[in-house]
Amino acid sequence: MDKNQNIKFAGLLPVGSVVSCASEGKRVMIIGRGHSAADDENVRYDYCSVLFPEGFIDGDHLFFHNHRDITKVYRVGYINDSEMELEAKLEAYLRDKRGLDA
């Protein structure tokens, strides 16, 4: 396995994907998508992640970030037909909430 792998991926990454973000010094694993900020429901994030390989520790160790913040993709999570349908809905939802055109 190539530990320096940087996968190119268009669209939202699926749950289970392992990435690096500019704001985090460690790898994180995506566990959710389309979350609003705790202090402002009008702010939306593409992803909710946990430290990798530690996983979920508690609610104080969740990291919210957007796709543009990802600097490296190490592993893409499982993708099937249901995931592809959900990804399309989530992308439309996030565009709508951010007031962006399709």
PDB file of N, CA and C in Angstrom:
ATOM      1  N   MET A   1       0.849  -1.182   0.000  1.00  0.00           N
ATOM      2  CA  MET A   1       0.000   0.000   0.000  1.00  0.00           C
ATOM      3  C   MET A   1       0.893   1.244   0.000  1.00  0.00           C
ATOM      4  N   ASP A   2       0.545   2.210  -0.837  1.00  0.00           N
ATOM      5  CA  ASP A   2       1.295   3.462  -0.932  1.00  0.00           C
ATOM      6  C   ASP A   2       0.811   4.424   0.141  1.00  0.00           C
ATOM      7  N   LYS A   3       1.617   4.693   1.153  1.00  0.00           N
ATOM      8  CA  LYS A   3       1.223   5.562   2.257  1.00  0.00           C
ATOM      9  C   LYS A   3       1.153   7.027   1.847  1.00  0.00           C
ATOM     10  N   ASN A   4       1.725   7.371   0.706  1.00  0.00           N
ATOM     11  CA  ASN A   4       1.710   8.743   0.232  1.00  0.00           C
ATOM     12  C   ASN A   4       0.675   8.945  -0.868  1.00  0.00           C
ATOM     13  N   GLN A   5      -0.224   8.008  -1.007  1.00  0.00           N
ATOM     14  CA  GLN A   5      -1.235   8.054  -2.045  1.00  0.00           C
ATOM     15  C   GLN A   5      -2.084   9.315  -1.915  1.00  0.00           C
ATOM     16  N   ASN A   6      -2.376   9.951  -3.045  1.00  0.00           N
ATOM     17  CA  ASN A   6      -3.268  11.108  -3.073  1.00  0.00           C
ATOM     18  C   ASN A   6      -4.278  10.880  -4.185  1.00  0.00           C
ATOM     19  N   ILE A   7      -5.446  10.402  -3.816  1.00  0.00           N
ATOM     20  CA  ILE A   7      -6.493  10.047  -4.759  1.00  0.00           C
ATOM     21  C   ILE A   7      -7.223  11.309  -5.192  1.00  0.00           C
ATOM     22  N   LYS A   8      -7.475  11.435  -6.463  1.00  0.00           N
ATOM     23  CA  LYS A   8      -8.285  12.546  -6.986  1.00  0.00           C
ATOM     24  C   LYS A   8      -9.743  12.089  -6.972  1.00  0.00           C
ATOM     25  N   PHE A   9     -10.637  12.934  -6.432  1.00  0.00           N
ATOM     26  CA  PHE A   9     -12.042  12.546  -6.310  1.00  0.00           C
ATOM     27  C   PHE A   9     -12.920  13.768  -6.524  1.00  0.00           C
ATOM     28  N   ALA A  10     -13.846  13.675  -7.453  1.00  0.00           N
ATOM     29  CA  ALA A  10     -14.798  14.766  -7.703  1.00  0.00           C
ATOM     30  C   ALA A  10     -16.064  14.501  -6.908  1.00  0.00           C
ATOM     31  N   GLY A  11     -16.645  15.523  -6.343  1.00  0.00           N
ATOM     32  CA  GLY A  11     -17.875  15.360  -5.570  1.00  0.00           C
ATOM     33  C   GLY A  11     -17.580  15.064  -4.116  1.00  0.00           C
ATOM     34  N   LEU A  12     -18.648  14.910  -3.334  1.00  0.00           N
ATOM     35  CA  LEU A  12     -18.498  14.612  -1.910  1.00  0.00           C
ATOM     36  C   LEU A  12     -17.920  13.221  -1.715  1.00  0.00           C
ATOM     37  N   LEU A  13     -17.008  13.103  -0.783  1.00  0.00           N
ATOM     38  CA  LEU A  13     -16.437  11.801  -0.450  1.00  0.00           C
ATOM     39  C   LEU A  13     -17.416  11.013   0.422  1.00  0.00           C
ATOM     40  N   PRO A  14     -17.439   9.696   0.294  1.00  0.00           N
ATOM     41  CA  PRO A  14     -18.335   8.891   1.123  1.00  0.00           C
ATOM     42  C   PRO A  14     -17.824   8.732   2.550  1.00  0.00           C
ATOM     43  N   VAL A  15     -18.720   8.369   3.432  1.00  0.00           N
ATOM     44  CA  VAL A  15     -18.375   8.047   4.817  1.00  0.00           C
ATOM     45  C   VAL A  15     -17.313   6.943   4.781  1.00  0.00           C
ATOM     46  N   GLY A  16     -16.361   7.050   5.683  1.00  0.00           N
ATOM     47  CA  GLY A  16     -15.280   6.069   5.746  1.00  0.00           C
ATOM     48  C   GLY A  16     -14.022   6.508   5.026  1.00  0.00           C
ATOM     49  N   SER A  17     -14.095   7.593   4.268  1.00  0.00           N
ATOM     50  CA  SER A  17     -12.914   8.099   3.569  1.00  0.00           C
ATOM     51  C   SER A  17     -11.921   8.671   4.572  1.00  0.00           C
ATOM     52  N   VAL A  18     -10.631   8.472   4.302  1.00  0.00           N
ATOM     53  CA  VAL A  18      -9.562   8.970   5.172  1.00  0.00           C
ATOM     54  C   VAL A  18      -8.818  10.065   4.418  1.00  0.00           C
ATOM     55  N   VAL A  19      -8.726  11.245   5.045  1.00  0.00           N
ATOM     56  CA  VAL A  19      -8.163  12.422   4.390  1.00  0.00           C
ATOM     57  C   VAL A  19      -7.284  13.210   5.354  1.00  0.00           C
ATOM     58  N   SER A  20      -6.537  14.167   4.790  1.00  0.00           N
ATOM     59  CA  SER A  20      -5.835  15.186   5.580  1.00  0.00           C
ATOM     60  C   SER A  20      -6.447  16.527   5.236  1.00  0.00           C
ATOM     61  N   CYS A  21      -6.508  17.401   6.229  1.00  0.00           N
ATOM     62  CA  CYS A  21      -7.005  18.762   6.023  1.00  0.00           C
ATOM     63  C   CYS A  21      -5.920  19.741   6.448  1.00  0.00           C
ATOM     64  N   ALA A  22      -5.960  20.914   5.847  1.00  0.00           N
ATOM     65  CA  ALA A  22      -4.976  21.943   6.176  1.00  0.00           C
ATOM     66  C   ALA A  22      -5.018  22.293   7.657  1.00  0.00           C
ATOM     67  N   SER A  23      -6.203  22.235   8.280  1.00  0.00           N
ATOM     68  CA  SER A  23      -6.361  22.658   9.667  1.00  0.00           C
ATOM     69  C   SER A  23      -5.978  21.587  10.689  1.00  0.00           C
ATOM     70  N   GLU A  24      -5.825  20.346  10.258  1.00  0.00           N
ATOM     71  CA  GLU A  24      -5.513  19.245  11.174  1.00  0.00           C
ATOM     72  C   GLU A  24      -4.141  18.680  10.860  1.00  0.00           C
ATOM     73  N   GLY A  25      -3.387  18.347  11.889  1.00  0.00           N
ATOM     74  CA  GLY A  25      -2.072  17.772  11.694  1.00  0.00           C
ATOM     75  C   GLY A  25      -2.101  16.277  11.437  1.00  0.00           C
ATOM     76  N   LYS A  26      -3.226  15.633  11.722  1.00  0.00           N
ATOM     77  CA  LYS A  26      -3.360  14.187  11.578  1.00  0.00           C
ATOM     78  C   LYS A  26      -4.379  13.860  10.501  1.00  0.00           C
ATOM     79  N   ARG A  27      -4.407  12.606  10.131  1.00  0.00           N
ATOM     80  CA  ARG A  27      -5.445  12.115   9.223  1.00  0.00           C
ATOM     81  C   ARG A  27      -6.756  12.045   9.977  1.00  0.00           C
ATOM     82  N   VAL A  28      -7.842  12.262   9.238  1.00  0.00           N
ATOM     83  CA  VAL A  28      -9.179  12.136   9.818  1.00  0.00           C
ATOM     84  C   VAL A  28     -10.019  11.234   8.917  1.00  0.00           C
ATOM     85  N   MET A  29     -11.045  10.608   9.523  1.00  0.00           N
ATOM     86  CA  MET A  29     -11.963   9.764   8.777  1.00  0.00           C
ATOM     87  C   MET A  29     -13.343  10.414   8.782  1.00  0.00           C
ATOM     88  N   ILE A  30     -13.924  10.523   7.609  1.00  0.00           N
ATOM     89  CA  ILE A  30     -15.244  11.136   7.463  1.00  0.00           C
ATOM     90  C   ILE A  30     -16.304  10.201   8.035  1.00  0.00           C
ATOM     91  N   ILE A  31     -17.140  10.753   8.947  1.00  0.00           N
ATOM     92  CA  ILE A  31     -18.217   9.949   9.537  1.00  0.00           C
ATOM     93  C   ILE A  31     -19.593  10.546   9.263  1.00  0.00           C
ATOM     94  N   GLY A  32     -19.640  11.728   8.656  1.00  0.00           N
ATOM     95  CA  GLY A  32     -20.933  12.347   8.352  1.00  0.00           C
ATOM     96  C   GLY A  32     -20.765  13.449   7.330  1.00  0.00           C
ATOM     97  N   ARG A  33     -21.889  13.850   6.730  1.00  0.00           N
ATOM     98  CA  ARG A  33     -21.850  14.886   5.690  1.00  0.00           C
ATOM     99  C   ARG A  33     -23.059  15.787   5.821  1.00  0.00           C
ATOM    100  N   GLY A  34     -22.888  17.049   5.410  1.00  0.00           N
ATOM    101  CA  GLY A  34     -23.993  18.001   5.399  1.00  0.00           C
ATOM    102  C   GLY A  34     -24.415  18.493   6.768  1.00  0.00           C
ATOM    103  N   HIS A  35     -23.476  18.755   7.648  1.00  0.00           N
ATOM    104  CA  HIS A  35     -23.782  19.192   9.009  1.00  0.00           C
ATOM    105  C   HIS A  35     -23.805  20.707   9.132  1.00  0.00           C
ATOM    106  N   SER A  36     -24.628  21.194  10.059  1.00  0.00           N
ATOM    107  CA  SER A  36     -24.637  22.629  10.352  1.00  0.00           C
ATOM    108  C   SER A  36     -23.752  22.886  11.570  1.00  0.00           C
ATOM    109  N   ALA A  37     -23.254  24.112  11.659  1.00  0.00           N
ATOM    110  CA  ALA A  37     -22.413  24.505  12.791  1.00  0.00           C
ATOM    111  C   ALA A  37     -23.261  24.560  14.058  1.00  0.00           C
ATOM    112  N   ALA A  38     -22.672  24.183  15.184  1.00  0.00           N
ATOM    113  CA  ALA A  38     -23.397  24.167  16.456  1.00  0.00           C
ATOM    114  C   ALA A  38     -23.851  25.561  16.865  1.00  0.00           C
ATOM    115  N   ASP A  39     -23.054  26.576  16.557  1.00  0.00           N
ATOM    116  CA  ASP A  39     -23.379  27.933  16.997  1.00  0.00           C
ATOM    117  C   ASP A  39     -24.116  28.760  15.948  1.00  0.00           C
ATOM    118  N   ASP A  40     -24.270  28.223  14.731  1.00  0.00           N
ATOM    119  CA  ASP A  40     -24.966  28.961  13.672  1.00  0.00           C
ATOM    120  C   ASP A  40     -25.529  27.973  12.660  1.00  0.00           C
ATOM    121  N   GLU A  41     -26.823  27.732  12.732  1.00  0.00           N
ATOM    122  CA  GLU A  41     -27.456  26.744  11.869  1.00  0.00           C
ATOM    123  C   GLU A  41     -27.384  27.105  10.390  1.00  0.00           C
ATOM    124  N   ASN A  42     -27.079  28.360  10.074  1.00  0.00           N
ATOM    125  CA  ASN A  42     -26.956  28.780   8.677  1.00  0.00           C
ATOM    126  C   ASN A  42     -25.597  28.428   8.073  1.00  0.00           C
ATOM    127  N   VAL A  43     -24.630  28.048   8.904  1.00  0.00           N
ATOM    128  CA  VAL A  43     -23.313  27.640   8.407  1.00  0.00           C
ATOM    129  C   VAL A  43     -23.336  26.133   8.211  1.00  0.00           C
ATOM    130  N   ARG A  44     -23.032  25.703   6.994  1.00  0.00           N
ATOM    131  CA  ARG A  44     -23.029  24.277   6.657  1.00  0.00           C
ATOM    132  C   ARG A  44     -21.622  23.799   6.351  1.00  0.00           C
ATOM    133  N   TYR A  45     -21.336  22.591   6.789  1.00  0.00           N
ATOM    134  CA  TYR A  45     -20.060  21.951   6.486  1.00  0.00           C
ATOM    135  C   TYR A  45     -20.318  20.720   5.634  1.00  0.00           C
ATOM    136  N   ASP A  46     -19.398  20.444   4.733  1.00  0.00           N
ATOM    137  CA  ASP A  46     -19.522  19.247   3.906  1.00  0.00           C
ATOM    138  C   ASP A  46     -19.346  17.982   4.732  1.00  0.00           C
ATOM    139  N   TYR A  47     -18.425  18.029   5.698  1.00  0.00           N
ATOM    140  CA  TYR A  47     -18.040  16.810   6.408  1.00  0.00           C
ATOM    141  C   TYR A  47     -17.933  16.988   7.920  1.00  0.00           C
ATOM    142  N   CYS A  48     -18.169  15.886   8.611  1.00  0.00           N
ATOM    143  CA  CYS A  48     -17.861  15.726  10.032  1.00  0.00           C
ATOM    144  C   CYS A  48     -16.896  14.550  10.097  1.00  0.00           C
ATOM    145  N   SER A  49     -15.757  14.747  10.767  1.00  0.00           N
ATOM    146  CA  SER A  49     -14.722  13.716  10.805  1.00  0.00           C
ATOM    147  C   SER A  49     -14.223  13.476  12.217  1.00  0.00           C
ATOM    148  N   VAL A  50     -13.559  12.333  12.381  1.00  0.00           N
ATOM    149  CA  VAL A  50     -12.901  11.970  13.637  1.00  0.00           C
ATOM    150  C   VAL A  50     -11.439  11.659  13.334  1.00  0.00           C
ATOM    151  N   LEU A  51     -10.602  11.723  14.360  1.00  0.00           N
ATOM    152  CA  LEU A  51      -9.199  11.379  14.189  1.00  0.00           C
ATOM    153  C   LEU A  51      -9.068   9.947  13.682  1.00  0.00           C
ATOM    154  N   PHE A  52      -8.085   9.730  12.837  1.00  0.00           N
ATOM    155  CA  PHE A  52      -7.795   8.391  12.329  1.00  0.00           C
ATOM    156  C   PHE A  52      -6.374   8.030  12.736  1.00  0.00           C
ATOM    157  N   PRO A  53      -6.128   6.894  13.335  1.00  0.00           N
ATOM    158  CA  PRO A  53      -6.997   5.735  13.456  1.00  0.00           C
ATOM    159  C   PRO A  53      -7.816   5.662  14.742  1.00  0.00           C
ATOM    160  N   GLU A  54      -7.763   6.683  15.597  1.00  0.00           N
ATOM    161  CA  GLU A  54      -8.434   6.627  16.893  1.00  0.00           C
ATOM    162  C   GLU A  54      -9.945   6.435  16.788  1.00  0.00           C
ATOM    163  N   GLY A  55     -10.585   7.104  15.838  1.00  0.00           N
ATOM    164  CA  GLY A  55     -12.034   7.016  15.707  1.00  0.00           C
ATOM    165  C   GLY A  55     -12.739   7.945  16.678  1.00  0.00           C
ATOM    166  N   PHE A  56     -14.017   7.700  16.889  1.00  0.00           N
ATOM    167  CA  PHE A  56     -14.829   8.561  17.745  1.00  0.00           C
ATOM    168  C   PHE A  56     -14.372   8.436  19.196  1.00  0.00           C
ATOM    169  N   ILE A  57     -14.056   9.578  19.795  1.00  0.00           N
ATOM    170  CA  ILE A  57     -13.661   9.622  21.210  1.00  0.00           C
ATOM    171  C   ILE A  57     -14.810  10.207  22.018  1.00  0.00           C
ATOM    172  N   ASP A  58     -15.244  11.405  21.658  1.00  0.00           N
ATOM    173  CA  ASP A  58     -16.403  12.054  22.255  1.00  0.00           C
ATOM    174  C   ASP A  58     -16.771  13.246  21.380  1.00  0.00           C
ATOM    175  N   GLY A  59     -17.844  13.932  21.740  1.00  0.00           N
ATOM    176  CA  GLY A  59     -18.337  15.045  20.944  1.00  0.00           C
ATOM    177  C   GLY A  59     -17.390  16.223  20.847  1.00  0.00           C
ATOM    178  N   ASP A  60     -16.423  16.299  21.759  1.00  0.00           N
ATOM    179  CA  ASP A  60     -15.437  17.376  21.712  1.00  0.00           C
ATOM    180  C   ASP A  60     -14.327  17.115  20.701  1.00  0.00           C
ATOM    181  N   HIS A  61     -14.303  15.918  20.131  1.00  0.00           N
ATOM    182  CA  HIS A  61     -13.260  15.545  19.172  1.00  0.00           C
ATOM    183  C   HIS A  61     -13.837  15.282  17.785  1.00  0.00           C
ATOM    184  N   LEU A  62     -14.823  16.067  17.401  1.00  0.00           N
ATOM    185  CA  LEU A  62     -15.377  16.014  16.044  1.00  0.00           C
ATOM    186  C   LEU A  62     -14.809  17.197  15.275  1.00  0.00           C
ATOM    187  N   PHE A  63     -14.475  16.983  14.031  1.00  0.00           N
ATOM    188  CA  PHE A  63     -13.892  18.024  13.196  1.00  0.00           C
ATOM    189  C   PHE A  63     -14.812  18.292  12.012  1.00  0.00           C
ATOM    190  N   PHE A  64     -15.232  19.534  11.856  1.00  0.00           N
ATOM    191  CA  PHE A  64     -16.112  19.937  10.761  1.00  0.00           C
ATOM    192  C   PHE A  64     -15.283  20.681   9.724  1.00  0.00           C
ATOM    193  N   HIS A  65     -15.446  20.296   8.462  1.00  0.00           N
ATOM    194  CA  HIS A  65     -14.656  20.920   7.398  1.00  0.00           C
ATOM    195  C   HIS A  65     -15.379  20.780   6.064  1.00  0.00           C
ATOM    196  N   ASN A  66     -14.885  21.503   5.090  1.00  0.00           N
ATOM    197  CA  ASN A  66     -15.452  21.469   3.744  1.00  0.00           C
ATOM    198  C   ASN A  66     -14.511  20.753   2.794  1.00  0.00           C
ATOM    199  N   HIS A  67     -15.056  20.382   1.644  1.00  0.00           N
ATOM    200  CA  HIS A  67     -14.278  19.635   0.662  1.00  0.00           C
ATOM    201  C   HIS A  67     -13.025  20.408   0.257  1.00  0.00           C
ATOM    202  N   ARG A  68     -13.146  21.721   0.121  1.00  0.00           N
ATOM    203  CA  ARG A  68     -11.999  22.544  -0.303  1.00  0.00           C
ATOM    204  C   ARG A  68     -10.869  22.540   0.717  1.00  0.00           C
ATOM    205  N   ASP A  69     -11.146  22.156   1.974  1.00  0.00           N
ATOM    206  CA  ASP A  69     -10.127  22.108   3.024  1.00  0.00           C
ATOM    207  C   ASP A  69      -9.261  20.848   2.953  1.00  0.00           C
ATOM    208  N   ILE A  70      -9.691  19.867   2.181  1.00  0.00           N
ATOM    209  CA  ILE A  70      -8.971  18.594   2.093  1.00  0.00           C
ATOM    210  C   ILE A  70      -7.717  18.791   1.251  1.00  0.00           C
ATOM    211  N   THR A  71      -6.576  18.413   1.833  1.00  0.00           N
ATOM    212  CA  THR A  71      -5.305  18.540   1.122  1.00  0.00           C
ATOM    213  C   THR A  71      -4.838  17.218   0.526  1.00  0.00           C
ATOM    214  N   LYS A  72      -5.316  16.100   1.083  1.00  0.00           N
ATOM    215  CA  LYS A  72      -4.904  14.796   0.582  1.00  0.00           C
ATOM    216  C   LYS A  72      -5.969  13.757   0.888  1.00  0.00           C
ATOM    217  N   VAL A  73      -6.227  12.873  -0.059  1.00  0.00           N
ATOM    218  CA  VAL A  73      -7.167  11.761   0.121  1.00  0.00           C
ATOM    219  C   VAL A  73      -6.348  10.474   0.140  1.00  0.00           C
ATOM    220  N   TYR A  74      -6.416   9.743   1.252  1.00  0.00           N
ATOM    221  CA  TYR A  74      -5.661   8.499   1.392  1.00  0.00           C
ATOM    222  C   TYR A  74      -6.494   7.285   1.016  1.00  0.00           C
ATOM    223  N   ARG A  75      -7.794   7.327   1.333  1.00  0.00           N
ATOM    224  CA  ARG A  75      -8.667   6.196   1.057  1.00  0.00           C
ATOM    225  C   ARG A  75     -10.075   6.713   0.853  1.00  0.00           C
ATOM    226  N   VAL A  76     -10.745   6.211  -0.166  1.00  0.00           N
ATOM    227  CA  VAL A  76     -12.138   6.566  -0.433  1.00  0.00           C
ATOM    228  C   VAL A  76     -13.018   5.487   0.168  1.00  0.00           C
ATOM    229  N   GLY A  77     -14.060   5.901   0.900  1.00  0.00           N
ATOM    230  CA  GLY A  77     -14.985   4.947   1.518  1.00  0.00           C
ATOM    231  C   GLY A  77     -15.791   4.166   0.491  1.00  0.00           C
ATOM    232  N   TYR A  78     -16.574   3.231   0.979  1.00  0.00           N
ATOM    233  CA  TYR A  78     -17.374   2.334   0.144  1.00  0.00           C
ATOM    234  C   TYR A  78     -18.420   3.104  -0.658  1.00  0.00           C
ATOM    235  N   ILE A  79     -18.528   2.772  -1.943  1.00  0.00           N
ATOM    236  CA  ILE A  79     -19.497   3.426  -2.823  1.00  0.00           C
ATOM    237  C   ILE A  79     -20.340   2.353  -3.513  1.00  0.00           C
ATOM    238  N   ASN A  80     -21.660   2.511  -3.410  1.00  0.00           N
ATOM    239  CA  ASN A  80     -22.590   1.673  -4.159  1.00  0.00           C
ATOM    240  C   ASN A  80     -23.690   2.575  -4.718  1.00  0.00           C
ATOM    241  N   ASP A  81     -24.736   2.000  -5.298  1.00  0.00           N
ATOM    242  CA  ASP A  81     -25.807   2.808  -5.901  1.00  0.00           C
ATOM    243  C   ASP A  81     -26.487   3.722  -4.884  1.00  0.00           C
ATOM    244  N   SER A  82     -26.728   3.215  -3.681  1.00  0.00           N
ATOM    245  CA  SER A  82     -27.370   4.029  -2.638  1.00  0.00           C
ATOM    246  C   SER A  82     -26.510   5.223  -2.267  1.00  0.00           C
ATOM    247  N   GLU A  83     -25.209   5.004  -2.169  1.00  0.00           N
ATOM    248  CA  GLU A  83     -24.276   6.091  -1.848  1.00  0.00           C
ATOM    249  C   GLU A  83     -24.292   7.147  -2.946  1.00  0.00           C
ATOM    250  N   MET A  84     -24.304   6.732  -4.196  1.00  0.00           N
ATOM    251  CA  MET A  84     -24.293   7.687  -5.303  1.00  0.00           C
ATOM    252  C   MET A  84     -25.579   8.523  -5.321  1.00  0.00           C
ATOM    253  N   GLU A  85     -26.721   7.901  -5.016  1.00  0.00           N
ATOM    254  CA  GLU A  85     -27.991   8.638  -4.937  1.00  0.00           C
ATOM    255  C   GLU A  85     -27.950   9.651  -3.796  1.00  0.00           C
ATOM    256  N   LEU A  86     -27.466   9.218  -2.638  1.00  0.00           N
ATOM    257  CA  LEU A  86     -27.380  10.111  -1.483  1.00  0.00           C
ATOM    258  C   LEU A  86     -26.404  11.254  -1.749  1.00  0.00           C
ATOM    259  N   GLU A  87     -25.271  10.977  -2.375  1.00  0.00           N
ATOM    260  CA  GLU A  87     -24.295  12.016  -2.679  1.00  0.00           C
ATOM    261  C   GLU A  87     -24.923  13.107  -3.543  1.00  0.00           C
ATOM    262  N   ALA A  88     -25.685  12.715  -4.558  1.00  0.00           N
ATOM    263  CA  ALA A  88     -26.333  13.691  -5.439  1.00  0.00           C
ATOM    264  C   ALA A  88     -27.315  14.556  -4.655  1.00  0.00           C
ATOM    265  N   LYS A  89     -28.084  13.953  -3.757  1.00  0.00           N
ATOM    266  CA  LYS A  89     -29.035  14.705  -2.931  1.00  0.00           C
ATOM    267  C   LYS A  89     -28.315  15.649  -1.969  1.00  0.00           C
ATOM    268  N   LEU A  90     -27.243  15.165  -1.353  1.00  0.00           N
ATOM    269  CA  LEU A  90     -26.482  15.998  -0.417  1.00  0.00           C
ATOM    270  C   LEU A  90     -25.827  17.182  -1.120  1.00  0.00           C
ATOM    271  N   GLU A  91     -25.273  16.956  -2.294  1.00  0.00           N
ATOM    272  CA  GLU A  91     -24.649  18.059  -3.023  1.00  0.00           C
ATOM    273  C   GLU A  91     -25.684  19.119  -3.384  1.00  0.00           C
ATOM    274  N   ALA A  92     -26.867  18.696  -3.823  1.00  0.00           N
ATOM    275  CA  ALA A  92     -27.940  19.644  -4.147  1.00  0.00           C
ATOM    276  C   ALA A  92     -28.386  20.391  -2.888  1.00  0.00           C
ATOM    277  N   TYR A  93     -28.521  19.684  -1.782  1.00  0.00           N
ATOM    278  CA  TYR A  93     -28.917  20.288  -0.515  1.00  0.00           C
ATOM    279  C   TYR A  93     -27.904  21.344  -0.071  1.00  0.00           C
ATOM    280  N   LEU A  94     -26.620  21.001  -0.112  1.00  0.00           N
ATOM    281  CA  LEU A  94     -25.585  21.948   0.308  1.00  0.00           C
ATOM    282  C   LEU A  94     -25.521  23.167  -0.624  1.00  0.00           C
ATOM    283  N   ARG A  95     -25.670  22.949  -1.920  1.00  0.00           N
ATOM    284  CA  ARG A  95     -25.703  24.091  -2.866  1.00  0.00           C
ATOM    285  C   ARG A  95     -26.859  25.010  -2.535  1.00  0.00           C
ATOM    286  N   ASP A  96     -28.028  24.422  -2.270  1.00  0.00           N
ATOM    287  CA  ASP A  96     -29.220  25.208  -1.940  1.00  0.00           C
ATOM    288  C   ASP A  96     -29.018  25.989  -0.650  1.00  0.00           C
ATOM    289  N   LYS A  97     -28.488  25.361   0.379  1.00  0.00           N
ATOM    290  CA  LYS A  97     -28.283  26.027   1.672  1.00  0.00           C
ATOM    291  C   LYS A  97     -27.240  27.131   1.589  1.00  0.00           C
ATOM    292  N   ARG A  98     -26.303  26.989   0.689  1.00  0.00           N
ATOM    293  CA  ARG A  98     -25.257  28.007   0.519  1.00  0.00           C
ATOM    294  C   ARG A  98     -25.631  29.038  -0.529  1.00  0.00           C
ATOM    295  N   GLY A  99     -26.776  28.837  -1.202  1.00  0.00           N
ATOM    296  CA  GLY A  99     -27.218  29.790  -2.204  1.00  0.00           C
ATOM    297  C   GLY A  99     -26.401  29.750  -3.479  1.00  0.00           C
ATOM    298  N   LEU A 100     -25.855  28.572  -3.819  1.00  0.00           N
ATOM    299  CA  LEU A 100     -25.032  28.437  -5.021  1.00  0.00           C
ATOM    300  C   LEU A 100     -25.865  27.859  -6.157  1.00  0.00           C
ATOM    301  N   ASP A 101     -25.498  28.205  -7.368  1.00  0.00           N
ATOM    302  CA  ASP A 101     -26.150  27.637  -8.547  1.00  0.00           C
ATOM    303  C   ASP A 101     -25.620  26.241  -8.779  1.00  0.00           C
ATOM    304  N   ALA A 102     -26.404  25.417  -9.432  1.00  0.00           N
ATOM    305  CA  ALA A 102     -26.029  24.029  -9.709  1.00  0.00           C
ATOM    306  C   ALA A 102     -24.875  23.904 -10.647  1.00  0.00           C
TER     307      ALA A 102
END
